[in-house]
N, C-alpha and C. Protein backbone atom coordinates (compact mmCIF):
# COMPACT_ATOMS: atom_id res chain seq x y z
N MET A 1 178.34 149.69 80.75
CA MET A 1 177.70 149.70 82.05
C MET A 1 177.74 148.30 82.67
N ARG A 2 177.57 147.28 81.81
CA ARG A 2 177.56 145.90 82.30
C ARG A 2 178.95 145.52 82.86
N LYS A 3 180.02 145.96 82.18
CA LYS A 3 181.38 145.67 82.65
C LYS A 3 181.64 146.32 84.00
N LEU A 4 181.16 147.52 84.17
CA LEU A 4 181.33 148.24 85.43
C LEU A 4 180.62 147.51 86.58
N MET A 5 179.41 147.02 86.30
CA MET A 5 178.66 146.28 87.33
C MET A 5 179.36 144.96 87.68
N ASN A 6 179.86 144.26 86.65
CA ASN A 6 180.58 143.00 86.90
C ASN A 6 181.86 143.24 87.70
N LYS A 7 182.57 144.33 87.37
CA LYS A 7 183.80 144.65 88.09
C LYS A 7 183.50 145.00 89.55
N ALA A 8 182.45 145.77 89.78
CA ALA A 8 182.06 146.12 91.15
C ALA A 8 181.62 144.88 91.92
N LYS A 9 180.93 143.98 91.25
CA LYS A 9 180.48 142.74 91.89
C LYS A 9 181.68 141.87 92.28
N MET A 10 182.68 141.78 91.39
CA MET A 10 183.86 140.97 91.68
C MET A 10 184.67 141.57 92.84
N GLU A 11 184.78 142.89 92.88
CA GLU A 11 185.48 143.53 93.98
C GLU A 11 184.78 143.28 95.31
N LEU A 12 183.46 143.31 95.29
CA LEU A 12 182.68 143.02 96.50
C LEU A 12 182.90 141.59 96.96
N VAL A 13 182.92 140.66 96.00
CA VAL A 13 183.14 139.26 96.34
C VAL A 13 184.55 139.07 96.92
N LYS A 14 185.55 139.74 96.33
CA LYS A 14 186.92 139.65 96.84
C LYS A 14 187.01 140.18 98.27
N THR A 15 186.33 141.28 98.51
CA THR A 15 186.35 141.88 99.86
C THR A 15 185.69 140.95 100.87
N VAL A 16 184.58 140.34 100.49
CA VAL A 16 183.89 139.42 101.40
C VAL A 16 184.75 138.20 101.68
N VAL A 17 185.40 137.67 100.65
CA VAL A 17 186.25 136.49 100.84
C VAL A 17 187.44 136.84 101.74
N LYS A 18 188.07 138.00 101.52
CA LYS A 18 189.18 138.41 102.38
C LYS A 18 188.73 138.58 103.83
N GLY A 19 187.55 139.13 104.02
CA GLY A 19 187.02 139.29 105.38
C GLY A 19 186.79 137.97 106.06
N LYS A 20 186.25 137.00 105.31
CA LYS A 20 186.04 135.66 105.88
C LYS A 20 187.36 134.99 106.23
N MET A 21 188.37 135.19 105.39
CA MET A 21 189.68 134.59 105.66
C MET A 21 190.30 135.19 106.92
N VAL A 22 190.15 136.50 107.09
CA VAL A 22 190.71 137.15 108.28
C VAL A 22 190.00 136.67 109.54
N LEU A 23 188.69 136.54 109.47
CA LEU A 23 187.94 136.10 110.65
C LEU A 23 188.17 134.63 110.96
N ALA A 24 188.40 133.83 109.95
CA ALA A 24 188.60 132.40 110.16
C ALA A 24 190.05 132.06 110.50
N GLY A 25 190.97 133.00 110.29
CA GLY A 25 192.39 132.73 110.53
C GLY A 25 192.68 132.56 112.01
N ASN A 26 193.61 131.68 112.31
CA ASN A 26 194.02 131.44 113.71
C ASN A 26 195.53 131.52 113.82
N SER A 27 196.12 132.53 113.24
CA SER A 27 197.58 132.64 113.21
C SER A 27 198.18 132.94 114.58
N GLY A 28 197.47 133.61 115.48
CA GLY A 28 198.00 133.93 116.80
C GLY A 28 197.67 132.90 117.86
N GLU A 29 197.08 131.80 117.45
CA GLU A 29 196.63 130.79 118.41
C GLU A 29 197.80 130.16 119.14
N GLY A 30 198.91 129.93 118.48
CA GLY A 30 200.04 129.26 119.10
C GLY A 30 200.69 130.07 120.21
N MET A 31 200.67 131.39 120.11
CA MET A 31 201.30 132.23 121.12
C MET A 31 200.57 132.13 122.45
N VAL A 32 199.25 132.12 122.40
CA VAL A 32 198.46 132.03 123.63
C VAL A 32 198.69 130.67 124.29
N ASP A 33 198.71 129.62 123.49
CA ASP A 33 198.95 128.28 124.04
C ASP A 33 200.32 128.19 124.69
N SER A 34 201.33 128.75 124.04
CA SER A 34 202.68 128.70 124.60
C SER A 34 202.77 129.49 125.91
N ALA A 35 202.13 130.63 125.96
CA ALA A 35 202.16 131.44 127.18
C ALA A 35 201.49 130.70 128.34
N VAL A 36 200.38 130.04 128.06
CA VAL A 36 199.69 129.28 129.11
C VAL A 36 200.55 128.12 129.58
N LYS A 37 201.20 127.43 128.67
CA LYS A 37 202.07 126.32 129.06
C LYS A 37 203.23 126.80 129.92
N ILE A 38 203.82 127.93 129.57
CA ILE A 38 204.93 128.46 130.35
C ILE A 38 204.47 128.85 131.75
N LEU A 39 203.33 129.51 131.86
CA LEU A 39 202.81 129.89 133.18
C LEU A 39 202.50 128.67 134.03
N ILE A 40 201.91 127.65 133.43
CA ILE A 40 201.59 126.44 134.18
C ILE A 40 202.87 125.77 134.67
N SER A 41 203.89 125.72 133.82
CA SER A 41 205.15 125.07 134.25
C SER A 41 205.82 125.86 135.37
N ILE A 42 205.74 127.18 135.34
CA ILE A 42 206.32 127.99 136.41
C ILE A 42 205.60 127.74 137.73
N VAL A 43 204.27 127.69 137.68
CA VAL A 43 203.50 127.45 138.90
C VAL A 43 203.77 126.07 139.46
N ILE A 44 203.81 125.05 138.61
CA ILE A 44 204.07 123.69 139.08
C ILE A 44 205.49 123.60 139.66
N GLY A 45 206.46 124.25 139.02
CA GLY A 45 207.83 124.25 139.53
C GLY A 45 207.93 124.92 140.89
N ALA A 46 207.23 126.03 141.05
CA ALA A 46 207.25 126.72 142.34
C ALA A 46 206.60 125.87 143.43
N LEU A 47 205.51 125.21 143.09
CA LEU A 47 204.86 124.34 144.08
C LEU A 47 205.75 123.16 144.45
N LEU A 48 206.44 122.60 143.48
CA LEU A 48 207.35 121.49 143.74
C LEU A 48 208.51 121.94 144.63
N LEU A 49 209.07 123.09 144.34
CA LEU A 49 210.17 123.61 145.15
C LEU A 49 209.70 123.91 146.57
N ALA A 50 208.52 124.50 146.70
CA ALA A 50 207.99 124.79 148.04
C ALA A 50 207.72 123.50 148.81
N GLY A 51 207.24 122.48 148.14
CA GLY A 51 207.00 121.19 148.78
C GLY A 51 208.29 120.54 149.24
N LEU A 52 209.31 120.58 148.41
CA LEU A 52 210.60 120.01 148.81
C LEU A 52 211.22 120.78 149.97
N TYR A 53 211.10 122.09 149.94
CA TYR A 53 211.65 122.90 151.03
C TYR A 53 210.90 122.63 152.33
N ALA A 54 209.58 122.47 152.24
CA ALA A 54 208.79 122.16 153.45
C ALA A 54 209.11 120.76 153.96
N LEU A 55 209.39 119.85 153.05
CA LEU A 55 209.67 118.47 153.44
C LEU A 55 211.04 118.33 154.10
N PHE A 56 212.04 118.96 153.53
CA PHE A 56 213.40 118.80 154.03
C PHE A 56 213.87 119.95 154.91
N GLY A 57 213.18 121.07 154.87
CA GLY A 57 213.50 122.18 155.75
C GLY A 57 214.87 122.77 155.53
N ASP A 58 215.64 122.86 156.59
CA ASP A 58 216.96 123.49 156.53
C ASP A 58 218.05 122.58 155.98
N VAL A 59 217.73 121.34 155.76
CA VAL A 59 218.76 120.38 155.34
C VAL A 59 219.32 120.75 153.97
N ILE A 60 218.46 121.20 153.07
CA ILE A 60 218.89 121.42 151.69
C ILE A 60 219.65 122.74 151.53
N LEU A 61 219.06 123.82 152.00
CA LEU A 61 219.59 125.12 151.62
C LEU A 61 220.63 125.69 152.57
N PHE A 62 220.40 125.61 153.86
CA PHE A 62 221.20 126.41 154.77
C PHE A 62 222.10 125.63 155.71
N SER A 63 222.08 124.34 155.71
CA SER A 63 222.88 123.61 156.69
C SER A 63 224.37 123.78 156.43
N SER A 64 224.79 123.72 155.18
CA SER A 64 226.22 123.84 154.91
C SER A 64 226.70 125.26 155.18
N LEU A 65 225.87 126.26 154.91
CA LEU A 65 226.27 127.64 155.19
C LEU A 65 226.40 127.89 156.68
N ARG A 66 225.50 127.35 157.47
CA ARG A 66 225.57 127.55 158.91
C ARG A 66 226.78 126.85 159.51
N ASN A 67 227.08 125.64 159.05
CA ASN A 67 228.25 124.95 159.54
C ASN A 67 229.53 125.70 159.17
N HIS A 68 229.56 126.24 157.97
CA HIS A 68 230.73 126.98 157.54
C HIS A 68 230.92 128.26 158.38
N ASP A 69 229.82 128.94 158.65
CA ASP A 69 229.91 130.15 159.47
C ASP A 69 230.33 129.82 160.89
N ARG A 70 229.81 128.73 161.42
CA ARG A 70 230.18 128.36 162.80
C ARG A 70 231.65 127.99 162.88
N ASP A 71 232.15 127.33 161.86
CA ASP A 71 233.58 126.95 161.87
C ASP A 71 234.47 128.19 161.75
N CYS A 72 234.06 129.15 160.96
CA CYS A 72 234.88 130.34 160.74
C CYS A 72 234.90 131.27 161.94
N TYR A 73 233.75 131.47 162.58
CA TYR A 73 233.65 132.48 163.62
C TYR A 73 233.64 131.92 165.03
N ALA A 74 233.75 130.63 165.19
CA ALA A 74 233.69 130.06 166.53
C ALA A 74 235.04 130.00 167.19
């Protein structure tokens, strides 16, 4: 009877220790951090591109296309 009680006690201790390890584990922490970093970089890149486009206007994107079209169809 004593061996049975000791075995049950050890199994209970193992279960409690495994539960604490699962709750204390932070194995998925890096994925959340990486996702936040990627989203922040996308937002900053979009703001930078919008700022450059507002600053320079048509000079960057469409001036060469418009000149080419005017030369071809004029």
